[in-house]
PDB file of N, CA and C in Angstrom:
ATOM      1  N   MET A   1      -0.706  -2.233   6.579  1.00  0.00           N
ATOM      2  CA  MET A   1      -2.079  -2.219   7.037  1.00  0.00           C
ATOM      3  C   MET A   1      -2.985  -2.598   5.864  1.00  0.00           C
ATOM      4  N   ARG A   2      -3.181  -3.878   5.699  1.00  0.00           N
ATOM      5  CA  ARG A   2      -3.980  -4.390   4.588  1.00  0.00           C
ATOM      6  C   ARG A   2      -5.445  -3.972   4.695  1.00  0.00           C
ATOM      7  N   LEU A   3      -5.829  -3.481   5.839  1.00  0.00           N
ATOM      8  CA  LEU A   3      -7.190  -3.007   6.039  1.00  0.00           C
ATOM      9  C   LEU A   3      -7.528  -1.914   5.026  1.00  0.00           C
ATOM     10  N   LEU A   4      -6.562  -1.078   4.718  1.00  0.00           N
ATOM     11  CA  LEU A   4      -6.774  -0.028   3.726  1.00  0.00           C
ATOM     12  C   LEU A   4      -7.096  -0.624   2.365  1.00  0.00           C
ATOM     13  N   ALA A   5      -6.296  -1.573   1.951  1.00  0.00           N
ATOM     14  CA  ALA A   5      -6.470  -2.152   0.625  1.00  0.00           C
ATOM     15  C   ALA A   5      -7.793  -2.899   0.494  1.00  0.00           C
ATOM     16  N   GLU A   6      -8.251  -3.489   1.561  1.00  0.00           N
ATOM     17  CA  GLU A   6      -9.447  -4.316   1.493  1.00  0.00           C
ATOM     18  C   GLU A   6     -10.743  -3.542   1.703  1.00  0.00           C
ATOM     19  N   LYS A   7     -10.751  -2.601   2.636  1.00  0.00           N
ATOM     20  CA  LYS A   7     -12.027  -2.019   3.050  1.00  0.00           C
ATOM     21  C   LYS A   7     -12.167  -0.519   2.861  1.00  0.00           C
ATOM     22  N   ALA A   8     -11.095   0.144   2.514  1.00  0.00           N
ATOM     23  CA  ALA A   8     -11.158   1.598   2.428  1.00  0.00           C
ATOM     24  C   ALA A   8     -11.765   2.056   1.102  1.00  0.00           C
ATOM     25  N   ASP A   9     -12.328   3.231   1.147  1.00  0.00           N
ATOM     26  CA  ASP A   9     -12.919   3.853  -0.025  1.00  0.00           C
ATOM     27  C   ASP A   9     -12.366   5.265  -0.130  1.00  0.00           C
ATOM     28  N   VAL A  10     -12.015   5.679  -1.333  1.00  0.00           N
ATOM     29  CA  VAL A  10     -11.418   6.996  -1.537  1.00  0.00           C
ATOM     30  C   VAL A  10     -12.400   8.107  -1.183  1.00  0.00           C
ATOM     31  N   LYS A  11     -13.670   7.827  -1.331  1.00  0.00           N
ATOM     32  CA  LYS A  11     -14.692   8.840  -1.059  1.00  0.00           C
ATOM     33  C   LYS A  11     -14.977   9.015   0.427  1.00  0.00           C
ATOM     34  N   GLU A  12     -14.435   8.123   1.211  1.00  0.00           N
ATOM     35  CA  GLU A  12     -14.649   8.163   2.651  1.00  0.00           C
ATOM     36  C   GLU A  12     -13.638   9.113   3.303  1.00  0.00           C
ATOM     37  N   TYR A  13     -14.037   9.752   4.362  1.00  0.00           N
ATOM     38  CA  TYR A  13     -13.126  10.622   5.101  1.00  0.00           C
ATOM     39  C   TYR A  13     -12.358   9.817   6.144  1.00  0.00           C
ATOM     40  N   TRP A  14     -11.221  10.358   6.541  1.00  0.00           N
ATOM     41  CA  TRP A  14     -10.373   9.690   7.533  1.00  0.00           C
ATOM     42  C   TRP A  14     -11.136   9.389   8.811  1.00  0.00           C
ATOM     43  N   PHE A  15     -11.913  10.342   9.276  1.00  0.00           N
ATOM     44  CA  PHE A  15     -12.629  10.172  10.543  1.00  0.00           C
ATOM     45  C   PHE A  15     -13.656   9.049  10.460  1.00  0.00           C
ATOM     46  N   GLU A  16     -14.307   8.893   9.304  1.00  0.00           N
ATOM     47  CA  GLU A  16     -15.266   7.800   9.131  1.00  0.00           C
ATOM     48  C   GLU A  16     -14.554   6.449   9.156  1.00  0.00           C
ATOM     49  N   PHE A  17     -13.440   6.362   8.429  1.00  0.00           N
ATOM     50  CA  PHE A  17     -12.674   5.118   8.390  1.00  0.00           C
ATOM     51  C   PHE A  17     -12.173   4.753   9.784  1.00  0.00           C
ATOM     52  N   ARG A  18     -11.629   5.729  10.471  1.00  0.00           N
ATOM     53  CA  ARG A  18     -11.098   5.489  11.815  1.00  0.00           C
ATOM     54  C   ARG A  18     -12.205   5.030  12.758  1.00  0.00           C
ATOM     55  N   ARG A  19     -13.364   5.634  12.685  1.00  0.00           N
ATOM     56  CA  ARG A  19     -14.480   5.266  13.549  1.00  0.00           C
ATOM     57  C   ARG A  19     -14.935   3.829  13.271  1.00  0.00           C
ATOM     58  N   LYS A  20     -14.972   3.429  11.998  1.00  0.00           N
ATOM     59  CA  LYS A  20     -15.433   2.091  11.643  1.00  0.00           C
ATOM     60  C   LYS A  20     -14.470   0.992  12.084  1.00  0.00           C
ATOM     61  N   TYR A  21     -13.178   1.234  11.918  1.00  0.00           N
ATOM     62  CA  TYR A  21     -12.212   0.153  12.064  1.00  0.00           C
ATOM     63  C   TYR A  21     -11.235   0.310  13.220  1.00  0.00           C
ATOM     64  N   ARG A  22     -11.474   1.235  14.109  1.00  0.00           N
ATOM     65  CA  ARG A  22     -10.510   1.490  15.176  1.00  0.00           C
ATOM     66  C   ARG A  22     -10.363   0.330  16.155  1.00  0.00           C
ATOM     67  N   LYS A  23     -11.337  -0.540  16.227  1.00  0.00           N
ATOM     68  CA  LYS A  23     -11.265  -1.643  17.178  1.00  0.00           C
ATOM     69  C   LYS A  23     -10.661  -2.920  16.583  1.00  0.00           C
ATOM     70  N   THR A  24     -10.361  -2.910  15.302  1.00  0.00           N
ATOM     71  CA  THR A  24      -9.748  -4.098  14.701  1.00  0.00           C
ATOM     72  C   THR A  24      -8.302  -4.201  15.172  1.00  0.00           C
ATOM     73  N   PRO A  25      -7.799  -5.409  15.390  1.00  0.00           N
ATOM     74  CA  PRO A  25      -6.425  -5.579  15.893  1.00  0.00           C
ATOM     75  C   PRO A  25      -5.372  -4.969  14.970  1.00  0.00           C
ATOM     76  N   GLU A  26      -5.584  -5.097  13.668  1.00  0.00           N
ATOM     77  CA  GLU A  26      -4.617  -4.554  12.714  1.00  0.00           C
ATOM     78  C   GLU A  26      -4.513  -3.033  12.841  1.00  0.00           C
ATOM     79  N   PHE A  27      -5.637  -2.386  13.030  1.00  0.00           N
ATOM     80  CA  PHE A  27      -5.650  -0.933  13.158  1.00  0.00           C
ATOM     81  C   PHE A  27      -5.065  -0.489  14.493  1.00  0.00           C
ATOM     82  N   LYS A  28      -5.388  -1.210  15.550  1.00  0.00           N
ATOM     83  CA  LYS A  28      -4.921  -0.828  16.888  1.00  0.00           C
ATOM     84  C   LYS A  28      -3.409  -0.866  17.016  1.00  0.00           C
ATOM     85  N   HIS A  29      -2.784  -1.852  16.418  1.00  0.00           N
ATOM     86  CA  HIS A  29      -1.362  -2.098  16.650  1.00  0.00           C
ATOM     87  C   HIS A  29      -0.462  -1.572  15.546  1.00  0.00           C
ATOM     88  N   TYR A  30      -0.962  -0.732  14.657  1.00  0.00           N
ATOM     89  CA  TYR A  30      -0.138  -0.292  13.538  1.00  0.00           C
ATOM     90  C   TYR A  30       0.872   0.785  13.911  1.00  0.00           C
ATOM     91  N   GLY A  31       0.481   1.744  14.677  1.00  0.00           N
ATOM     92  CA  GLY A  31       1.392   2.826  15.033  1.00  0.00           C
ATOM     93  C   GLY A  31       0.622   3.972  15.662  1.00  0.00           C
ATOM     94  N   THR A  32       1.232   5.143  15.633  1.00  0.00           N
ATOM     95  CA  THR A  32       0.592   6.311  16.227  1.00  0.00           C
ATOM     96  C   THR A  32      -0.574   6.769  15.367  1.00  0.00           C
ATOM     97  N   GLU A  33      -1.406   7.590  15.946  1.00  0.00           N
ATOM     98  CA  GLU A  33      -2.566   8.130  15.236  1.00  0.00           C
ATOM     99  C   GLU A  33      -2.117   8.958  14.026  1.00  0.00           C
ATOM    100  N   LYS A  34      -1.064   9.715  14.199  1.00  0.00           N
ATOM    101  CA  LYS A  34      -0.532  10.542  13.112  1.00  0.00           C
ATOM    102  C   LYS A  34      -0.022   9.676  11.958  1.00  0.00           C
ATOM    103  N   LEU A  35       0.659   8.597  12.275  1.00  0.00           N
ATOM    104  CA  LEU A  35       1.167   7.686  11.259  1.00  0.00           C
ATOM    105  C   LEU A  35       0.023   7.046  10.480  1.00  0.00           C
ATOM    106  N   LYS A  36      -1.020   6.648  11.174  1.00  0.00           N
ATOM    107  CA  LYS A  36      -2.179   6.051  10.512  1.00  0.00           C
ATOM    108  C   LYS A  36      -2.849   7.045   9.566  1.00  0.00           C
ATOM    109  N   GLU A  37      -2.986   8.275  10.018  1.00  0.00           N
ATOM    110  CA  GLU A  37      -3.627   9.289   9.180  1.00  0.00           C
ATOM    111  C   GLU A  37      -2.764   9.619   7.966  1.00  0.00           C
ATOM    112  N   ASP A  38      -1.459   9.714   8.142  1.00  0.00           N
ATOM    113  CA  ASP A  38      -0.564   9.970   7.012  1.00  0.00           C
ATOM    114  C   ASP A  38      -0.636   8.848   5.988  1.00  0.00           C
ATOM    115  N   LEU A  39      -0.673   7.627   6.473  1.00  0.00           N
ATOM    116  CA  LEU A  39      -0.793   6.476   5.587  1.00  0.00           C
ATOM    117  C   LEU A  39      -2.109   6.514   4.826  1.00  0.00           C
ATOM    118  N   TRP A  40      -3.168   6.866   5.487  1.00  0.00           N
ATOM    119  CA  TRP A  40      -4.494   6.987   4.867  1.00  0.00           C
ATOM    120  C   TRP A  40      -4.460   8.029   3.748  1.00  0.00           C
ATOM    121  N   ARG A  41      -3.908   9.188   4.032  1.00  0.00           N
ATOM    122  CA  ARG A  41      -3.867  10.265   3.035  1.00  0.00           C
ATOM    123  C   ARG A  41      -2.994   9.882   1.840  1.00  0.00           C
ATOM    124  N   ASP A  42      -1.885   9.226   2.100  1.00  0.00           N
ATOM    125  CA  ASP A  42      -1.015   8.753   1.024  1.00  0.00           C
ATOM    126  C   ASP A  42      -1.742   7.723   0.171  1.00  0.00           C
ATOM    127  N   TRP A  43      -2.447   6.801   0.800  1.00  0.00           N
ATOM    128  CA  TRP A  43      -3.197   5.781   0.081  1.00  0.00           C
ATOM    129  C   TRP A  43      -4.257   6.424  -0.808  1.00  0.00           C
ATOM    130  N   CYS A  44      -5.000   7.382  -0.261  1.00  0.00           N
ATOM    131  CA  CYS A  44      -6.054   8.054  -1.038  1.00  0.00           C
ATOM    132  C   CYS A  44      -5.485   8.791  -2.241  1.00  0.00           C
ATOM    133  N   ALA A  45      -4.380   9.495  -2.048  1.00  0.00           N
ATOM    134  CA  ALA A  45      -3.770  10.239  -3.149  1.00  0.00           C
ATOM    135  C   ALA A  45      -3.293   9.289  -4.244  1.00  0.00           C
ATOM    136  N   ARG A  46      -2.690   8.194  -3.867  1.00  0.00           N
ATOM    137  CA  ARG A  46      -2.209   7.237  -4.863  1.00  0.00           C
ATOM    138  C   ARG A  46      -3.364   6.502  -5.541  1.00  0.00           C
ATOM    139  N   LYS A  47      -4.423   6.238  -4.825  1.00  0.00           N
ATOM    140  CA  LYS A  47      -5.567   5.521  -5.393  1.00  0.00           C
ATOM    141  C   LYS A  47      -6.262   6.362  -6.466  1.00  0.00           C
ATOM    142  N   LYS A  48      -6.154   7.669  -6.379  1.00  0.00           N
ATOM    143  CA  LYS A  48      -6.785   8.553  -7.353  1.00  0.00           C
ATOM    144  C   LYS A  48      -5.994   8.653  -8.659  1.00  0.00           C
ATOM    145  N   MET A  49      -4.742   8.175  -8.652  1.00  0.00           N
ATOM    146  CA  MET A  49      -3.929   8.192  -9.873  1.00  0.00           C
ATOM    147  C   MET A  49      -4.415   7.113 -10.844  1.00  0.00           C
ATOM    148  N   SER A  50      -4.015   7.229 -12.094  1.00  0.00           N
ATOM    149  CA  SER A  50      -4.377   6.197 -13.063  1.00  0.00           C
ATOM    150  C   SER A  50      -3.651   4.899 -12.732  1.00  0.00           C
ATOM    151  N   ARG A  51      -4.214   3.811 -13.180  1.00  0.00           N
ATOM    152  CA  ARG A  51      -3.655   2.492 -12.883  1.00  0.00           C
ATOM    153  C   ARG A  51      -2.243   2.342 -13.447  1.00  0.00           C
ATOM    154  N   GLU A  52      -2.041   2.812 -14.661  1.00  0.00           N
ATOM    155  CA  GLU A  52      -0.725   2.713 -15.294  1.00  0.00           C
ATOM    156  C   GLU A  52       0.334   3.499 -14.517  1.00  0.00           C
ATOM    157  N   LYS A  53      -0.059   4.652 -14.040  1.00  0.00           N
ATOM    158  CA  LYS A  53       0.878   5.478 -13.279  1.00  0.00           C
ATOM    159  C   LYS A  53       1.227   4.815 -11.943  1.00  0.00           C
ATOM    160  N   ARG A  54       0.248   4.193 -11.306  1.00  0.00           N
ATOM    161  CA  ARG A  54       0.511   3.490 -10.051  1.00  0.00           C
ATOM    162  C   ARG A  54       1.468   2.327 -10.256  1.00  0.00           C
ATOM    163  N   GLU A  55       1.255   1.566 -11.343  1.00  0.00           N
ATOM    164  CA  GLU A  55       2.139   0.443 -11.640  1.00  0.00           C
ATOM    165  C   GLU A  55       3.553   0.921 -11.946  1.00  0.00           C
ATOM    166  N   ALA A  56       3.662   1.985 -12.736  1.00  0.00           N
ATOM    167  CA  ALA A  56       4.979   2.526 -13.078  1.00  0.00           C
ATOM    168  C   ALA A  56       5.703   3.030 -11.835  1.00  0.00           C
ATOM    169  N   GLU A  57       4.971   3.652 -10.934  1.00  0.00           N
ATOM    170  CA  GLU A  57       5.581   4.152  -9.700  1.00  0.00           C
ATOM    171  C   GLU A  57       6.076   3.003  -8.819  1.00  0.00           C
ATOM    172  N   LEU A  58       5.296   1.928  -8.735  1.00  0.00           N
ATOM    173  CA  LEU A  58       5.716   0.760  -7.966  1.00  0.00           C
ATOM    174  C   LEU A  58       6.984   0.146  -8.555  1.00  0.00           C
ATOM    175  N   LEU A  59       7.014  -0.009  -9.868  1.00  0.00           N
ATOM    176  CA  LEU A  59       8.177  -0.616 -10.512  1.00  0.00           C
ATOM    177  C   LEU A  59       9.424   0.249 -10.373  1.00  0.00           C
ATOM    178  N   SER A  60       9.271   1.549 -10.524  1.00  0.00           N
ATOM    179  CA  SER A  60      10.440   2.422 -10.370  1.00  0.00           C
ATOM    180  C   SER A  60      10.944   2.428  -8.927  1.00  0.00           C
ATOM    181  N   TRP A  61      10.030   2.359  -7.970  1.00  0.00           N
ATOM    182  CA  TRP A  61      10.443   2.283  -6.564  1.00  0.00           C
ATOM    183  C   TRP A  61      11.146   0.963  -6.283  1.00  0.00           C
ATOM    184  N   MET A  62      10.642  -0.124  -6.871  1.00  0.00           N
ATOM    185  CA  MET A  62      11.235  -1.443  -6.648  1.00  0.00           C
ATOM    186  C   MET A  62      12.656  -1.527  -7.181  1.00  0.00           C
ATOM    187  N   ARG A  63      12.949  -0.810  -8.253  1.00  0.00           N
ATOM    188  CA  ARG A  63      14.310  -0.825  -8.802  1.00  0.00           C
ATOM    189  C   ARG A  63      15.318  -0.264  -7.808  1.00  0.00           C
ATOM    190  N   GLY A  64      14.901   0.640  -6.961  1.00  0.00           N
ATOM    191  CA  GLY A  64      15.788   1.259  -5.997  1.00  0.00           C
ATOM    192  C   GLY A  64      15.920   0.519  -4.679  1.00  0.00           C
ATOM    193  N   VAL A  65      15.089  -0.497  -4.456  1.00  0.00           N
ATOM    194  CA  VAL A  65      15.121  -1.238  -3.203  1.00  0.00           C
ATOM    195  C   VAL A  65      16.270  -2.239  -3.248  1.00  0.00           C
ATOM    196  N   LYS A  66      17.086  -2.224  -2.215  1.00  0.00           N
ATOM    197  CA  LYS A  66      18.242  -3.117  -2.125  1.00  0.00           C
ATOM    198  C   LYS A  66      17.929  -4.309  -1.236  1.00  0.00           C
ATOM    199  N   GLY A  67      18.610  -5.422  -1.499  1.00  0.00           N
ATOM    200  CA  GLY A  67      18.476  -6.606  -0.663  1.00  0.00           C
ATOM    201  C   GLY A  67      18.229  -7.853  -1.479  1.00  0.00           C
ATOM    202  N   THR A  68      18.065  -8.959  -0.775  1.00  0.00           N
ATOM    203  CA  THR A  68      17.755 -10.215  -1.441  1.00  0.00           C
ATOM    204  C   THR A  68      16.307 -10.187  -1.908  1.00  0.00           C
ATOM    205  N   LYS A  69      15.930 -11.184  -2.694  1.00  0.00           N
ATOM    206  CA  LYS A  69      14.559 -11.211  -3.208  1.00  0.00           C
ATOM    207  C   LYS A  69      13.539 -11.276  -2.076  1.00  0.00           C
ATOM    208  N   GLU A  70      13.851 -12.042  -1.044  1.00  0.00           N
ATOM    209  CA  GLU A  70      12.913 -12.159   0.083  1.00  0.00           C
ATOM    210  C   GLU A  70      12.770 -10.832   0.826  1.00  0.00           C
ATOM    211  N   GLU A  71      13.887 -10.132   1.007  1.00  0.00           N
ATOM    212  CA  GLU A  71      13.838  -8.826   1.677  1.00  0.00           C
ATOM    213  C   GLU A  71      13.064  -7.820   0.845  1.00  0.00           C
ATOM    214  N   VAL A  72      13.268  -7.851  -0.459  1.00  0.00           N
ATOM    215  CA  VAL A  72      12.553  -6.929  -1.351  1.00  0.00           C
ATOM    216  C   VAL A  72      11.060  -7.218  -1.308  1.00  0.00           C
ATOM    217  N   VAL A  73      10.688  -8.483  -1.341  1.00  0.00           N
ATOM    218  CA  VAL A  73       9.271  -8.855  -1.289  1.00  0.00           C
ATOM    219  C   VAL A  73       8.644  -8.375   0.013  1.00  0.00           C
ATOM    220  N   ASP A  74       9.342  -8.557   1.121  1.00  0.00           N
ATOM    221  CA  ASP A  74       8.817  -8.084   2.409  1.00  0.00           C
ATOM    222  C   ASP A  74       8.616  -6.573   2.412  1.00  0.00           C
ATOM    223  N   LYS A  75       9.570  -5.836   1.857  1.00  0.00           N
ATOM    224  CA  LYS A  75       9.454  -4.372   1.800  1.00  0.00           C
ATOM    225  C   LYS A  75       8.310  -3.957   0.892  1.00  0.00           C
ATOM    226  N   VAL A  76       8.147  -4.654  -0.218  1.00  0.00           N
ATOM    227  CA  VAL A  76       7.077  -4.316  -1.167  1.00  0.00           C
ATOM    228  C   VAL A  76       5.710  -4.561  -0.545  1.00  0.00           C
ATOM    229  N   TYR A  77       5.536  -5.704   0.112  1.00  0.00           N
ATOM    230  CA  TYR A  77       4.241  -6.014   0.717  1.00  0.00           C
ATOM    231  C   TYR A  77       3.883  -5.037   1.826  1.00  0.00           C
ATOM    232  N   ALA A  78       4.849  -4.403   2.426  1.00  0.00           N
ATOM    233  CA  ALA A  78       4.594  -3.468   3.519  1.00  0.00           C
ATOM    234  C   ALA A  78       4.397  -2.036   3.024  1.00  0.00           C
ATOM    235  N   ASP A  79       4.556  -1.802   1.734  1.00  0.00           N
ATOM    236  CA  ASP A  79       4.506  -0.436   1.214  1.00  0.00           C
ATOM    237  C   ASP A  79       3.138  -0.115   0.621  1.00  0.00           C
ATOM    238  N   VAL A  80       2.745   1.136   0.755  1.00  0.00           N
ATOM    239  CA  VAL A  80       1.431   1.571   0.278  1.00  0.00           C
ATOM    240  C   VAL A  80       1.364   1.550  -1.250  1.00  0.00           C
ATOM    241  N   ARG A  81       2.483   1.668  -1.930  1.00  0.00           N
ATOM    242  CA  ARG A  81       2.487   1.616  -3.397  1.00  0.00           C
ATOM    243  C   ARG A  81       1.985   0.268  -3.893  1.00  0.00           C
ATOM    244  N   TYR A  82       2.282  -0.770  -3.156  1.00  0.00           N
ATOM    245  CA  TYR A  82       1.839  -2.120  -3.513  1.00  0.00           C
ATOM    246  C   TYR A  82       0.335  -2.274  -3.297  1.00  0.00           C
ATOM    247  N   TRP A  83      -0.170  -1.706  -2.227  1.00  0.00           N
ATOM    248  CA  TRP A  83      -1.578  -1.879  -1.876  1.00  0.00           C
ATOM    249  C   TRP A  83      -2.522  -1.264  -2.888  1.00  0.00           C
ATOM    250  N   VAL A  84      -2.105  -0.188  -3.566  1.00  0.00           N
ATOM    251  CA  VAL A  84      -3.028   0.526  -4.444  1.00  0.00           C
ATOM    252  C   VAL A  84      -2.965   0.079  -5.894  1.00  0.00           C
ATOM    253  N   VAL A  85      -2.084  -0.841  -6.231  1.00  0.00           N
ATOM    254  CA  VAL A  85      -1.894  -1.192  -7.643  1.00  0.00           C
ATOM    255  C   VAL A  85      -3.125  -1.855  -8.240  1.00  0.00           C
ATOM    256  N   GLY A  86      -3.650  -2.866  -7.617  1.00  0.00           N
ATOM    257  CA  GLY A  86      -4.821  -3.535  -8.176  1.00  0.00           C
ATOM    258  C   GLY A  86      -4.713  -5.040  -8.053  1.00  0.00           C
ATOM    259  N   ASP A  87      -5.484  -5.735  -8.871  1.00  0.00           N
ATOM    260  CA  ASP A  87      -5.579  -7.188  -8.765  1.00  0.00           C
ATOM    261  C   ASP A  87      -4.325  -7.923  -9.224  1.00  0.00           C
ATOM    262  N   GLU A  88      -3.625  -7.387 -10.210  1.00  0.00           N
ATOM    263  CA  GLU A  88      -2.454  -8.072 -10.768  1.00  0.00           C
ATOM    264  C   GLU A  88      -1.161  -7.710 -10.052  1.00  0.00           C
ATOM    265  N   LYS A  89      -1.236  -7.202  -8.852  1.00  0.00           N
ATOM    266  CA  LYS A  89      -0.047  -6.717  -8.158  1.00  0.00           C
ATOM    267  C   LYS A  89       0.976  -7.811  -7.900  1.00  0.00           C
ATOM    268  N   ASP A  90       0.537  -9.013  -7.590  1.00  0.00           N
ATOM    269  CA  ASP A  90       1.485 -10.105  -7.347  1.00  0.00           C
ATOM    270  C   ASP A  90       2.227 -10.478  -8.626  1.00  0.00           C
ATOM    271  N   ASP A  91       1.518 -10.454  -9.752  1.00  0.00           N
ATOM    272  CA  ASP A  91       2.166 -10.748 -11.036  1.00  0.00           C
ATOM    273  C   ASP A  91       3.192  -9.685 -11.390  1.00  0.00           C
ATOM    274  N   ILE A  92       2.882  -8.440 -11.124  1.00  0.00           N
ATOM    275  CA  ILE A  92       3.804  -7.338 -11.413  1.00  0.00           C
ATOM    276  C   ILE A  92       5.065  -7.478 -10.581  1.00  0.00           C
ATOM    277  N   VAL A  93       4.910  -7.771  -9.307  1.00  0.00           N
ATOM    278  CA  VAL A  93       6.067  -7.933  -8.416  1.00  0.00           C
ATOM    279  C   VAL A  93       6.898  -9.133  -8.849  1.00  0.00           C
ATOM    280  N   ARG A  94       6.256 -10.241  -9.163  1.00  0.00           N
ATOM    281  CA  ARG A  94       6.973 -11.438  -9.576  1.00  0.00           C
ATOM    282  C   ARG A  94       7.774 -11.195 -10.863  1.00  0.00           C
ATOM    283  N   ASP A  95       7.160 -10.509 -11.836  1.00  0.00           N
ATOM    284  CA  ASP A  95       7.855 -10.208 -13.087  1.00  0.00           C
ATOM    285  C   ASP A  95       9.026  -9.258 -12.861  1.00  0.00           C
ATOM    286  N   ALA A  96       8.844  -8.300 -11.978  1.00  0.00           N
ATOM    287  CA  ALA A  96       9.925  -7.347 -11.687  1.00  0.00           C
ATOM    288  C   ALA A  96      11.090  -8.038 -10.986  1.00  0.00           C
ATOM    289  N   LEU A  97      10.791  -8.976 -10.119  1.00  0.00           N
ATOM    290  CA  LEU A  97      11.859  -9.702  -9.426  1.00  0.00           C
ATOM    291  C   LEU A  97      12.582 -10.665 -10.352  1.00  0.00           C
ATOM    292  N   ARG A  98      11.901 -11.187 -11.347  1.00  0.00           N
ATOM    293  CA  ARG A  98      12.559 -12.055 -12.327  1.00  0.00           C
ATOM    294  C   ARG A  98      13.591 -11.278 -13.133  1.00  0.00           C
ATOM    295  N   GLY A  99      13.283 -10.013 -13.371  1.00  0.00           N
ATOM    296  CA  GLY A  99      14.164  -9.175 -14.175  1.00  0.00           C
ATOM    297  C   GLY A  99      15.412  -8.709 -13.438  1.00  0.00           C
ATOM    298  N   ARG A 100      15.488  -8.945 -12.143  1.00  0.00           N
ATOM    299  CA  ARG A 100      16.656  -8.493 -11.348  1.00  0.00           C
ATOM    300  C   ARG A 100      17.858  -9.326 -11.653  1.00  0.00           C
TER     301      ARG A 100
END
């Protein structure tokens, strides 16, 4: 749900976010209400961590992901750890995949 990465704010409450974006196609078709709220809370908690810690967590998680490079990239892009890293996230993923 890239909507979180693009438009969400840590200072915003779940109910405000849900009210603003509930009619967007990405939000409607993501999953159950509980799943969306859990994802929101996970995103907020990770966004409050330091940037270095978020990057380290993404890299350590990526080391444990099995599969081909394309499968790993698909899993990474779908994970909330990737969404909260920052602007250089594609470079971090590319460098980590080179090291495999």
